[in-house]
Amino acid sequence: MVVRVKFKWTSKMKRIKLYYTDWCNSCTKLKPVIRDLESRFSNVIFEYLDMDSITEFHTIKSIPTVVFERDGIEVKRLTGLQSKYAYEYELKRL
């Protein structure tokens, strides 16, 4: 399921996108980790994008993939299952 939220971009806007599928074992392990980080980083917008239901073109070659964006520009991409600390480190760097 893809949830669309309308908001106005402001300067210093931070966002991460998790690209996943329900049948991916690594994705199911990663989602709770990202949800925990979402509760701790209230200044970041989190998006969960199910690759099975996305109709738009995205340059994702492997899942899970987490894309970190600042001001609408990708600054980092982590592919595959990483440690919680790797995602937390990148969120702090945004």
N, C-alpha and C. Protein backbone atom coordinates (compact mmCIF):
# COMPACT_ATOMS: atom_id res chain seq x y z
N MET A 1 0.84 -1.17 0.00
CA MET A 1 0.00 0.00 0.00
C MET A 1 0.89 1.24 0.00
N VAL A 2 0.55 2.18 -0.84
CA VAL A 2 1.29 3.44 -0.92
C VAL A 2 0.40 4.54 -0.38
N VAL A 3 0.93 5.30 0.55
CA VAL A 3 0.19 6.40 1.14
C VAL A 3 0.76 7.69 0.60
N ARG A 4 -0.07 8.52 0.05
CA ARG A 4 0.37 9.81 -0.49
C ARG A 4 -0.03 10.90 0.50
N VAL A 5 0.91 11.75 0.80
CA VAL A 5 0.68 12.85 1.72
C VAL A 5 1.04 14.13 0.99
N LYS A 6 0.15 15.12 1.05
CA LYS A 6 0.46 16.42 0.44
C LYS A 6 1.07 17.31 1.50
N PHE A 7 2.19 17.91 1.17
CA PHE A 7 2.84 18.85 2.07
C PHE A 7 3.67 19.80 1.23
N LYS A 8 4.00 20.91 1.81
CA LYS A 8 4.79 21.91 1.12
C LYS A 8 6.25 21.74 1.52
N TRP A 9 7.12 21.64 0.51
CA TRP A 9 8.54 21.51 0.78
C TRP A 9 9.07 22.80 1.39
N THR A 10 9.86 22.66 2.41
CA THR A 10 10.52 23.80 3.02
C THR A 10 12.02 23.53 2.98
N SER A 11 12.79 24.55 3.26
CA SER A 11 14.23 24.34 3.28
C SER A 11 14.59 23.40 4.43
N LYS A 12 15.62 22.65 4.23
CA LYS A 12 16.10 21.68 5.21
C LYS A 12 15.11 20.52 5.43
N MET A 13 14.25 20.25 4.44
CA MET A 13 13.31 19.13 4.53
C MET A 13 14.10 17.82 4.41
N LYS A 14 13.83 16.89 5.33
CA LYS A 14 14.52 15.61 5.34
C LYS A 14 13.51 14.49 5.14
N ARG A 15 13.89 13.49 4.32
CA ARG A 15 12.96 12.40 4.05
C ARG A 15 13.75 11.13 3.78
N ILE A 16 13.20 10.00 4.23
CA ILE A 16 13.74 8.72 3.81
C ILE A 16 12.62 7.91 3.18
N LYS A 17 13.01 7.14 2.17
CA LYS A 17 12.07 6.28 1.46
C LYS A 17 12.54 4.85 1.61
N LEU A 18 11.65 3.99 2.08
CA LEU A 18 11.94 2.56 2.15
C LEU A 18 11.22 1.87 1.01
N TYR A 19 11.98 1.27 0.11
CA TYR A 19 11.43 0.48 -0.99
C TYR A 19 11.46 -0.98 -0.55
N TYR A 20 10.32 -1.64 -0.59
CA TYR A 20 10.21 -2.99 -0.07
C TYR A 20 9.14 -3.78 -0.83
N THR A 21 9.03 -5.06 -0.52
CA THR A 21 7.91 -5.90 -0.95
C THR A 21 7.54 -6.77 0.25
N ASP A 22 6.31 -7.25 0.26
CA ASP A 22 5.85 -8.08 1.37
C ASP A 22 6.47 -9.48 1.35
N TRP A 23 6.88 -9.96 0.19
CA TRP A 23 7.44 -11.30 0.10
C TRP A 23 8.94 -11.35 0.38
N CYS A 24 9.56 -10.22 0.56
CA CYS A 24 11.00 -10.13 0.81
C CYS A 24 11.28 -10.31 2.30
N ASN A 25 12.06 -11.34 2.65
CA ASN A 25 12.37 -11.63 4.05
C ASN A 25 13.16 -10.50 4.70
N SER A 26 14.16 -9.97 4.01
CA SER A 26 14.96 -8.86 4.56
C SER A 26 14.10 -7.62 4.78
N CYS A 27 13.13 -7.41 3.88
CA CYS A 27 12.24 -6.25 4.01
C CYS A 27 11.37 -6.36 5.26
N THR A 28 10.88 -7.56 5.54
CA THR A 28 10.03 -7.73 6.71
C THR A 28 10.84 -7.56 8.00
N LYS A 29 12.12 -7.85 7.95
CA LYS A 29 12.98 -7.61 9.12
C LYS A 29 13.32 -6.13 9.27
N LEU A 30 13.40 -5.43 8.16
CA LEU A 30 13.80 -4.02 8.19
C LEU A 30 12.67 -3.08 8.60
N LYS A 31 11.45 -3.38 8.21
CA LYS A 31 10.34 -2.46 8.49
C LYS A 31 10.20 -2.09 9.97
N PRO A 32 10.27 -3.03 10.93
CA PRO A 32 10.18 -2.62 12.33
C PRO A 32 11.33 -1.71 12.77
N VAL A 33 12.50 -1.93 12.20
CA VAL A 33 13.66 -1.08 12.52
C VAL A 33 13.40 0.35 12.06
N ILE A 34 12.90 0.49 10.84
CA ILE A 34 12.61 1.82 10.30
C ILE A 34 11.47 2.48 11.07
N ARG A 35 10.46 1.71 11.45
CA ARG A 35 9.34 2.26 12.24
C ARG A 35 9.83 2.76 13.60
N ASP A 36 10.77 2.06 14.20
CA ASP A 36 11.34 2.52 15.47
C ASP A 36 12.09 3.83 15.28
N LEU A 37 12.86 3.92 14.21
CA LEU A 37 13.58 5.17 13.93
C LEU A 37 12.60 6.30 13.62
N GLU A 38 11.50 5.97 12.97
CA GLU A 38 10.48 6.98 12.67
C GLU A 38 9.92 7.60 13.94
N SER A 39 9.75 6.80 14.98
CA SER A 39 9.22 7.32 16.25
C SER A 39 10.25 8.21 16.97
N ARG A 40 11.52 8.03 16.66
CA ARG A 40 12.57 8.81 17.32
C ARG A 40 13.01 10.04 16.54
N PHE A 41 12.77 10.07 15.23
CA PHE A 41 13.19 11.20 14.39
C PHE A 41 11.94 11.88 13.83
N SER A 42 11.33 12.72 14.64
CA SER A 42 10.08 13.38 14.24
C SER A 42 10.29 14.47 13.19
N ASN A 43 11.52 14.89 12.98
CA ASN A 43 11.80 15.94 12.00
C ASN A 43 12.05 15.38 10.60
N VAL A 44 11.87 14.08 10.43
CA VAL A 44 12.12 13.42 9.14
C VAL A 44 10.81 12.80 8.66
N ILE A 45 10.55 12.93 7.36
CA ILE A 45 9.37 12.30 6.74
C ILE A 45 9.77 10.91 6.28
N PHE A 46 9.00 9.91 6.67
CA PHE A 46 9.26 8.52 6.29
C PHE A 46 8.21 8.07 5.29
N GLU A 47 8.67 7.46 4.19
CA GLU A 47 7.76 6.92 3.18
C GLU A 47 8.06 5.44 3.00
N TYR A 48 7.00 4.65 2.92
CA TYR A 48 7.11 3.21 2.70
C TYR A 48 6.52 2.91 1.34
N LEU A 49 7.34 2.46 0.41
CA LEU A 49 6.91 2.26 -0.97
C LEU A 49 6.99 0.79 -1.34
N ASP A 50 5.83 0.17 -1.52
CA ASP A 50 5.73 -1.23 -1.89
C ASP A 50 6.00 -1.36 -3.39
N MET A 51 7.07 -2.03 -3.75
CA MET A 51 7.48 -2.13 -5.15
C MET A 51 6.47 -2.90 -6.00
N ASP A 52 5.65 -3.74 -5.38
CA ASP A 52 4.65 -4.49 -6.13
C ASP A 52 3.47 -3.62 -6.56
N SER A 53 3.28 -2.47 -5.91
CA SER A 53 2.14 -1.63 -6.25
C SER A 53 2.53 -0.26 -6.81
N ILE A 54 3.81 -0.03 -7.00
CA ILE A 54 4.27 1.24 -7.57
C ILE A 54 4.19 1.18 -9.09
N THR A 55 3.57 2.18 -9.68
CA THR A 55 3.46 2.23 -11.14
C THR A 55 4.45 3.21 -11.75
N GLU A 56 5.03 4.08 -10.93
CA GLU A 56 5.99 5.05 -11.43
C GLU A 56 7.36 4.39 -11.58
N PHE A 57 8.23 5.02 -12.34
CA PHE A 57 9.58 4.51 -12.55
C PHE A 57 10.49 4.95 -11.42
N HIS A 58 11.18 4.00 -10.83
CA HIS A 58 12.17 4.28 -9.79
C HIS A 58 13.43 3.50 -10.13
N THR A 59 14.58 4.05 -9.82
CA THR A 59 15.84 3.40 -10.13
C THR A 59 16.27 2.52 -8.95
N ILE A 60 15.49 1.52 -8.66
CA ILE A 60 15.78 0.59 -7.57
C ILE A 60 16.18 -0.74 -8.20
N LYS A 61 17.38 -1.20 -7.88
CA LYS A 61 17.88 -2.45 -8.46
C LYS A 61 17.78 -3.61 -7.50
N SER A 62 17.63 -3.35 -6.22
CA SER A 62 17.58 -4.39 -5.22
C SER A 62 16.71 -3.92 -4.06
N ILE A 63 16.08 -4.87 -3.39
CA ILE A 63 15.28 -4.53 -2.22
C ILE A 63 15.77 -5.33 -1.02
N PRO A 64 15.68 -4.80 0.17
CA PRO A 64 15.19 -3.46 0.47
C PRO A 64 16.23 -2.39 0.14
N THR A 65 15.73 -1.22 -0.20
CA THR A 65 16.57 -0.06 -0.44
C THR A 65 16.00 1.10 0.37
N VAL A 66 16.88 1.80 1.06
CA VAL A 66 16.49 3.00 1.81
C VAL A 66 17.22 4.18 1.20
N VAL A 67 16.44 5.18 0.77
CA VAL A 67 17.00 6.38 0.15
C VAL A 67 16.83 7.55 1.12
N PHE A 68 17.91 8.25 1.37
CA PHE A 68 17.90 9.41 2.26
C PHE A 68 17.94 10.66 1.39
N GLU A 69 17.00 11.58 1.62
CA GLU A 69 16.93 12.81 0.84
C GLU A 69 16.93 14.03 1.74
N ARG A 70 17.58 15.07 1.25
CA ARG A 70 17.55 16.38 1.91
C ARG A 70 17.19 17.40 0.85
N ASP A 71 16.15 18.17 1.09
CA ASP A 71 15.67 19.18 0.15
C ASP A 71 15.33 18.57 -1.21
N GLY A 72 14.82 17.33 -1.20
CA GLY A 72 14.40 16.67 -2.43
C GLY A 72 15.52 16.06 -3.24
N ILE A 73 16.75 16.08 -2.73
CA ILE A 73 17.90 15.54 -3.44
C ILE A 73 18.45 14.34 -2.67
N GLU A 74 18.67 13.24 -3.38
CA GLU A 74 19.21 12.05 -2.74
C GLU A 74 20.64 12.31 -2.28
N VAL A 75 20.89 12.00 -1.00
CA VAL A 75 22.24 12.20 -0.45
C VAL A 75 22.90 10.88 -0.07
N LYS A 76 22.09 9.82 0.11
CA LYS A 76 22.64 8.52 0.48
C LYS A 76 21.63 7.44 0.13
N ARG A 77 22.14 6.25 -0.18
CA ARG A 77 21.29 5.09 -0.49
C ARG A 77 21.92 3.86 0.15
N LEU A 78 21.13 3.15 0.93
CA LEU A 78 21.58 1.89 1.53
C LEU A 78 20.75 0.76 0.93
N THR A 79 21.42 -0.24 0.39
CA THR A 79 20.73 -1.37 -0.24
C THR A 79 20.99 -2.63 0.56
N GLY A 80 19.97 -3.44 0.70
CA GLY A 80 20.09 -4.67 1.48
C GLY A 80 19.86 -4.38 2.95
N LEU A 81 19.84 -5.43 3.73
CA LEU A 81 19.60 -5.30 5.17
C LEU A 81 20.89 -4.87 5.86
N GLN A 82 20.85 -3.71 6.52
CA GLN A 82 21.98 -3.17 7.26
C GLN A 82 21.64 -3.19 8.75
N SER A 83 22.59 -2.85 9.56
CA SER A 83 22.32 -2.78 11.00
C SER A 83 21.49 -1.52 11.29
N LYS A 84 20.79 -1.55 12.40
CA LYS A 84 19.99 -0.40 12.83
C LYS A 84 20.88 0.84 12.96
N TYR A 85 22.09 0.64 13.39
CA TYR A 85 23.00 1.76 13.61
C TYR A 85 23.42 2.43 12.31
N ALA A 86 23.47 1.68 11.23
CA ALA A 86 23.80 2.27 9.93
C ALA A 86 22.72 3.26 9.50
N TYR A 87 21.45 2.88 9.69
CA TYR A 87 20.34 3.77 9.33
C TYR A 87 20.30 4.97 10.28
N GLU A 88 20.52 4.72 11.56
CA GLU A 88 20.51 5.80 12.54
C GLU A 88 21.64 6.80 12.26
N TYR A 89 22.80 6.29 11.90
CA TYR A 89 23.95 7.15 11.57
C TYR A 89 23.62 8.06 10.40
N GLU A 90 23.03 7.50 9.35
CA GLU A 90 22.68 8.31 8.17
C GLU A 90 21.60 9.32 8.49
N LEU A 91 20.63 8.96 9.34
CA LEU A 91 19.60 9.91 9.72
C LEU A 91 20.20 11.09 10.48
N LYS A 92 21.15 10.83 11.33
CA LYS A 92 21.80 11.92 12.08
C LYS A 92 22.60 12.82 11.17
N ARG A 93 23.12 12.28 10.08
CA ARG A 93 23.91 13.07 9.12
C ARG A 93 23.07 13.93 8.20
N LEU A 94 21.78 13.63 8.09
CA LEU A 94 20.91 14.41 7.19
C LEU A 94 20.87 15.87 7.57
